[in-house]
């Protein structure tokens, strides 16, 4: 299986620090990038390989829906995951048609790794049948 590159975007620096710490301990073998603002996320996406984008929906510099729409347009093969504390599946799907999946905060890192792994397998299978 190819190496997986994951970009996680959230303006909550404490949450990012906790994720960084817990994901390092998990030793999943993925490469993680962390951004606490949209500009940093876009710069990372332009300069680094990114297979998966996990973005908070509520950020001060741009709504996560706009950011994921940008990723959908510019990097269509990237798996996009939205997360938020105020998770309403119906409203989120109406406002945010671009993510492949939704996650409610807070979430367990082990669960997140398993879910993203499962999504990646399905996503890569879909890409291989289309391409």
C-alpha atoms as a PDB file:
ATOM      1  CA  UNK A   1       0.000   0.000   0.000  1.00  0.00           C
ATOM      2  CA  UNK A   2       1.384   3.464  -0.879  1.00  0.00           C
ATOM      3  CA  UNK A   3       2.394   5.886   1.862  1.00  0.00           C
ATOM      4  CA  UNK A   4      -0.493   8.119   2.945  1.00  0.00           C
ATOM      5  CA  UNK A   5      -0.155  11.877   3.412  1.00  0.00           C
ATOM      6  CA  UNK A   6      -2.743  13.522   5.664  1.00  0.00           C
ATOM      7  CA  UNK A   7      -3.380  17.248   6.159  1.00  0.00           C
ATOM      8  CA  UNK A   8      -5.345  18.208   9.289  1.00  0.00           C
ATOM      9  CA  UNK A   9      -6.704  21.758   9.524  1.00  0.00           C
ATOM     10  CA  UNK A  10      -8.163  23.318  12.673  1.00  0.00           C
ATOM     11  CA  UNK A  11      -7.736  26.756  14.224  1.00  0.00           C
ATOM     12  CA  UNK A  12      -7.675  25.119  17.678  1.00  0.00           C
ATOM     13  CA  UNK A  13      -3.927  24.858  18.320  1.00  0.00           C
ATOM     14  CA  UNK A  14      -4.438  22.737  21.445  1.00  0.00           C
ATOM     15  CA  UNK A  15      -6.487  20.208  19.491  1.00  0.00           C
ATOM     16  CA  UNK A  16      -3.790  20.063  16.792  1.00  0.00           C
ATOM     17  CA  UNK A  17      -1.064  19.573  19.413  1.00  0.00           C
ATOM     18  CA  UNK A  18      -3.042  16.728  20.983  1.00  0.00           C
ATOM     19  CA  UNK A  19      -3.652  15.107  17.608  1.00  0.00           C
ATOM     20  CA  UNK A  20       0.028  15.431  16.698  1.00  0.00           C
ATOM     21  CA  UNK A  21       1.049  13.796  19.975  1.00  0.00           C
ATOM     22  CA  UNK A  22      -1.517  10.980  19.776  1.00  0.00           C
ATOM     23  CA  UNK A  23      -0.973  10.263  16.092  1.00  0.00           C
ATOM     24  CA  UNK A  24       2.785  10.050  16.644  1.00  0.00           C
ATOM     25  CA  UNK A  25       2.161   7.477  19.395  1.00  0.00           C
ATOM     26  CA  UNK A  26      -0.164   5.496  17.125  1.00  0.00           C
ATOM     27  CA  UNK A  27       2.732   4.822  14.707  1.00  0.00           C
ATOM     28  CA  UNK A  28       0.338   4.367  11.810  1.00  0.00           C
ATOM     29  CA  UNK A  29       3.045   5.000   9.196  1.00  0.00           C
ATOM     30  CA  UNK A  30       1.316   7.972   7.602  1.00  0.00           C
ATOM     31  CA  UNK A  31       2.859  11.401   7.067  1.00  0.00           C
ATOM     32  CA  UNK A  32       0.880  14.117   8.858  1.00  0.00           C
ATOM     33  CA  UNK A  33       0.802  17.844   8.176  1.00  0.00           C
ATOM     34  CA  UNK A  34      -0.983  20.200  10.561  1.00  0.00           C
ATOM     35  CA  UNK A  35      -2.265  23.688   9.765  1.00  0.00           C
ATOM     36  CA  UNK A  36      -4.025  26.102  12.103  1.00  0.00           C
ATOM     37  CA  UNK A  37      -5.196  28.444   9.338  1.00  0.00           C
ATOM     38  CA  UNK A  38      -6.342  28.302   5.730  1.00  0.00           C
ATOM     39  CA  UNK A  39      -3.305  30.053   4.224  1.00  0.00           C
ATOM     40  CA  UNK A  40      -0.953  27.523   5.817  1.00  0.00           C
ATOM     41  CA  UNK A  41      -3.163  24.643   4.652  1.00  0.00           C
ATOM     42  CA  UNK A  42      -3.199  25.891   1.062  1.00  0.00           C
ATOM     43  CA  UNK A  43       0.565  26.404   1.076  1.00  0.00           C
ATOM     44  CA  UNK A  44       1.115  22.871   2.381  1.00  0.00           C
ATOM     45  CA  UNK A  45      -1.203  21.466  -0.289  1.00  0.00           C
ATOM     46  CA  UNK A  46       0.778  23.259  -3.002  1.00  0.00           C
ATOM     47  CA  UNK A  47       4.181  22.117  -1.751  1.00  0.00           C
ATOM     48  CA  UNK A  48       3.483  18.649  -0.302  1.00  0.00           C
ATOM     49  CA  UNK A  49       1.687  15.537  -1.477  1.00  0.00           C
ATOM     50  CA  UNK A  50      -1.714  15.274   0.242  1.00  0.00           C
ATOM     51  CA  UNK A  51      -3.982  12.223  -0.008  1.00  0.00           C
ATOM     52  CA  UNK A  52      -6.437  13.087   2.778  1.00  0.00           C
ATOM     53  CA  UNK A  53      -7.659  16.461   4.061  1.00  0.00           C
ATOM     54  CA  UNK A  54      -9.448  16.649   7.407  1.00  0.00           C
ATOM     55  CA  UNK A  55     -10.838  20.122   8.024  1.00  0.00           C
ATOM     56  CA  UNK A  56     -12.775  21.741  10.819  1.00  0.00           C
ATOM     57  CA  UNK A  57     -15.914  23.432   9.518  1.00  0.00           C
ATOM     58  CA  UNK A  58     -15.762  26.475  11.795  1.00  0.00           C
ATOM     59  CA  UNK A  59     -12.612  28.528  11.332  1.00  0.00           C
ATOM     60  CA  UNK A  60     -12.167  32.294  11.498  1.00  0.00           C
ATOM     61  CA  UNK A  61     -10.464  32.857   8.137  1.00  0.00           C
ATOM     62  CA  UNK A  62     -12.693  30.674   5.915  1.00  0.00           C
ATOM     63  CA  UNK A  63     -15.563  28.275   6.442  1.00  0.00           C
ATOM     64  CA  UNK A  64     -14.477  24.666   6.101  1.00  0.00           C
ATOM     65  CA  UNK A  65     -17.046  24.151   3.335  1.00  0.00           C
ATOM     66  CA  UNK A  66     -15.265  26.735   1.186  1.00  0.00           C
ATOM     67  CA  UNK A  67     -11.897  25.184   1.926  1.00  0.00           C
ATOM     68  CA  UNK A  68     -13.077  21.680   1.040  1.00  0.00           C
ATOM     69  CA  UNK A  69     -14.695  23.042  -2.139  1.00  0.00           C
ATOM     70  CA  UNK A  70     -11.279  24.488  -3.039  1.00  0.00           C
ATOM     71  CA  UNK A  71      -9.679  21.077  -2.484  1.00  0.00           C
ATOM     72  CA  UNK A  72     -12.419  19.378  -4.513  1.00  0.00           C
ATOM     73  CA  UNK A  73     -11.791  21.706  -7.457  1.00  0.00           C
ATOM     74  CA  UNK A  74      -8.003  21.819  -7.297  1.00  0.00           C
ATOM     75  CA  UNK A  75      -7.206  18.314  -5.981  1.00  0.00           C
ATOM     76  CA  UNK A  76     -10.189  16.136  -6.966  1.00  0.00           C
ATOM     77  CA  UNK A  77      -8.486  12.834  -6.065  1.00  0.00           C
ATOM     78  CA  UNK A  78      -7.896  13.945  -2.472  1.00  0.00           C
ATOM     79  CA  UNK A  79     -10.151  12.323   0.114  1.00  0.00           C
ATOM     80  CA  UNK A  80     -11.933  15.138   1.978  1.00  0.00           C
ATOM     81  CA  UNK A  81     -13.237  14.786   5.536  1.00  0.00           C
ATOM     82  CA  UNK A  82     -15.165  17.489   7.421  1.00  0.00           C
ATOM     83  CA  UNK A  83     -15.328  17.635  11.200  1.00  0.00           C
ATOM     84  CA  UNK A  84     -17.129  19.868  13.657  1.00  0.00           C
ATOM     85  CA  UNK A  85     -18.376  20.024  17.229  1.00  0.00           C
ATOM     86  CA  UNK A  86     -21.855  21.012  16.052  1.00  0.00           C
ATOM     87  CA  UNK A  87     -22.407  18.050  13.758  1.00  0.00           C
ATOM     88  CA  UNK A  88     -25.782  17.884  12.064  1.00  0.00           C
ATOM     89  CA  UNK A  89     -25.542  15.382   9.180  1.00  0.00           C
ATOM     90  CA  UNK A  90     -28.439  16.822   7.176  1.00  0.00           C
ATOM     91  CA  UNK A  91     -27.387  20.455   7.520  1.00  0.00           C
ATOM     92  CA  UNK A  92     -23.739  19.610   6.925  1.00  0.00           C
ATOM     93  CA  UNK A  93     -24.553  17.712   3.730  1.00  0.00           C
ATOM     94  CA  UNK A  94     -26.659  20.623   2.472  1.00  0.00           C
ATOM     95  CA  UNK A  95     -24.038  23.264   3.267  1.00  0.00           C
ATOM     96  CA  UNK A  96     -20.995  21.180   2.397  1.00  0.00           C
ATOM     97  CA  UNK A  97     -21.401  18.999  -0.680  1.00  0.00           C
ATOM     98  CA  UNK A  98     -17.636  18.562  -1.165  1.00  0.00           C
ATOM     99  CA  UNK A  99     -16.440  16.258   1.623  1.00  0.00           C
ATOM    100  CA  UNK A 100     -16.528  12.521   1.256  1.00  0.00           C
ATOM    101  CA  UNK A 101     -17.154  12.021   4.969  1.00  0.00           C
ATOM    102  CA  UNK A 102     -18.075  13.780   8.215  1.00  0.00           C
ATOM    103  CA  UNK A 103     -16.667  13.302  11.704  1.00  0.00           C
ATOM    104  CA  UNK A 104     -18.031  14.740  14.937  1.00  0.00           C
ATOM    105  CA  UNK A 105     -15.591  16.245  17.474  1.00  0.00           C
ATOM    106  CA  UNK A 106     -14.300  15.091  19.846  1.00  0.00           C
ATOM    107  CA  UNK A 107     -13.093  11.853  18.325  1.00  0.00           C
ATOM    108  CA  UNK A 108     -10.748   9.056  19.381  1.00  0.00           C
ATOM    109  CA  UNK A 109      -7.513   8.950  17.368  1.00  0.00           C
ATOM    110  CA  UNK A 110      -7.585   5.143  17.022  1.00  0.00           C
ATOM    111  CA  UNK A 111     -11.131   5.316  15.689  1.00  0.00           C
ATOM    112  CA  UNK A 112     -10.179   8.120  13.284  1.00  0.00           C
ATOM    113  CA  UNK A 113      -7.234   6.097  11.952  1.00  0.00           C
ATOM    114  CA  UNK A 114      -9.432   3.044  11.379  1.00  0.00           C
ATOM    115  CA  UNK A 115     -12.200   5.013   9.706  1.00  0.00           C
ATOM    116  CA  UNK A 116      -9.813   6.949   7.438  1.00  0.00           C
ATOM    117  CA  UNK A 117      -8.024   3.683   6.575  1.00  0.00           C
ATOM    118  CA  UNK A 118     -11.324   2.114   5.533  1.00  0.00           C
ATOM    119  CA  UNK A 119     -12.301   5.198   3.531  1.00  0.00           C
ATOM    120  CA  UNK A 120      -8.915   5.253   1.819  1.00  0.00           C
ATOM    121  CA  UNK A 121      -9.243   1.657   0.671  1.00  0.00           C
ATOM    122  CA  UNK A 122     -12.680   2.359  -0.818  1.00  0.00           C
ATOM    123  CA  UNK A 123     -11.570   5.685  -2.292  1.00  0.00           C
ATOM    124  CA  UNK A 124      -8.485   4.175  -3.944  1.00  0.00           C
ATOM    125  CA  UNK A 125     -10.593   1.323  -5.335  1.00  0.00           C
ATOM    126  CA  UNK A 126     -13.010   3.851  -6.840  1.00  0.00           C
ATOM    127  CA  UNK A 127     -10.137   5.839  -8.341  1.00  0.00           C
ATOM    128  CA  UNK A 128      -8.587   2.716  -9.858  1.00  0.00           C
ATOM    129  CA  UNK A 129     -11.867   1.646 -11.491  1.00  0.00           C
ATOM    130  CA  UNK A 130     -12.467   5.142 -12.895  1.00  0.00           C
ATOM    131  CA  UNK A 131      -8.854   5.703 -14.032  1.00  0.00           C
END
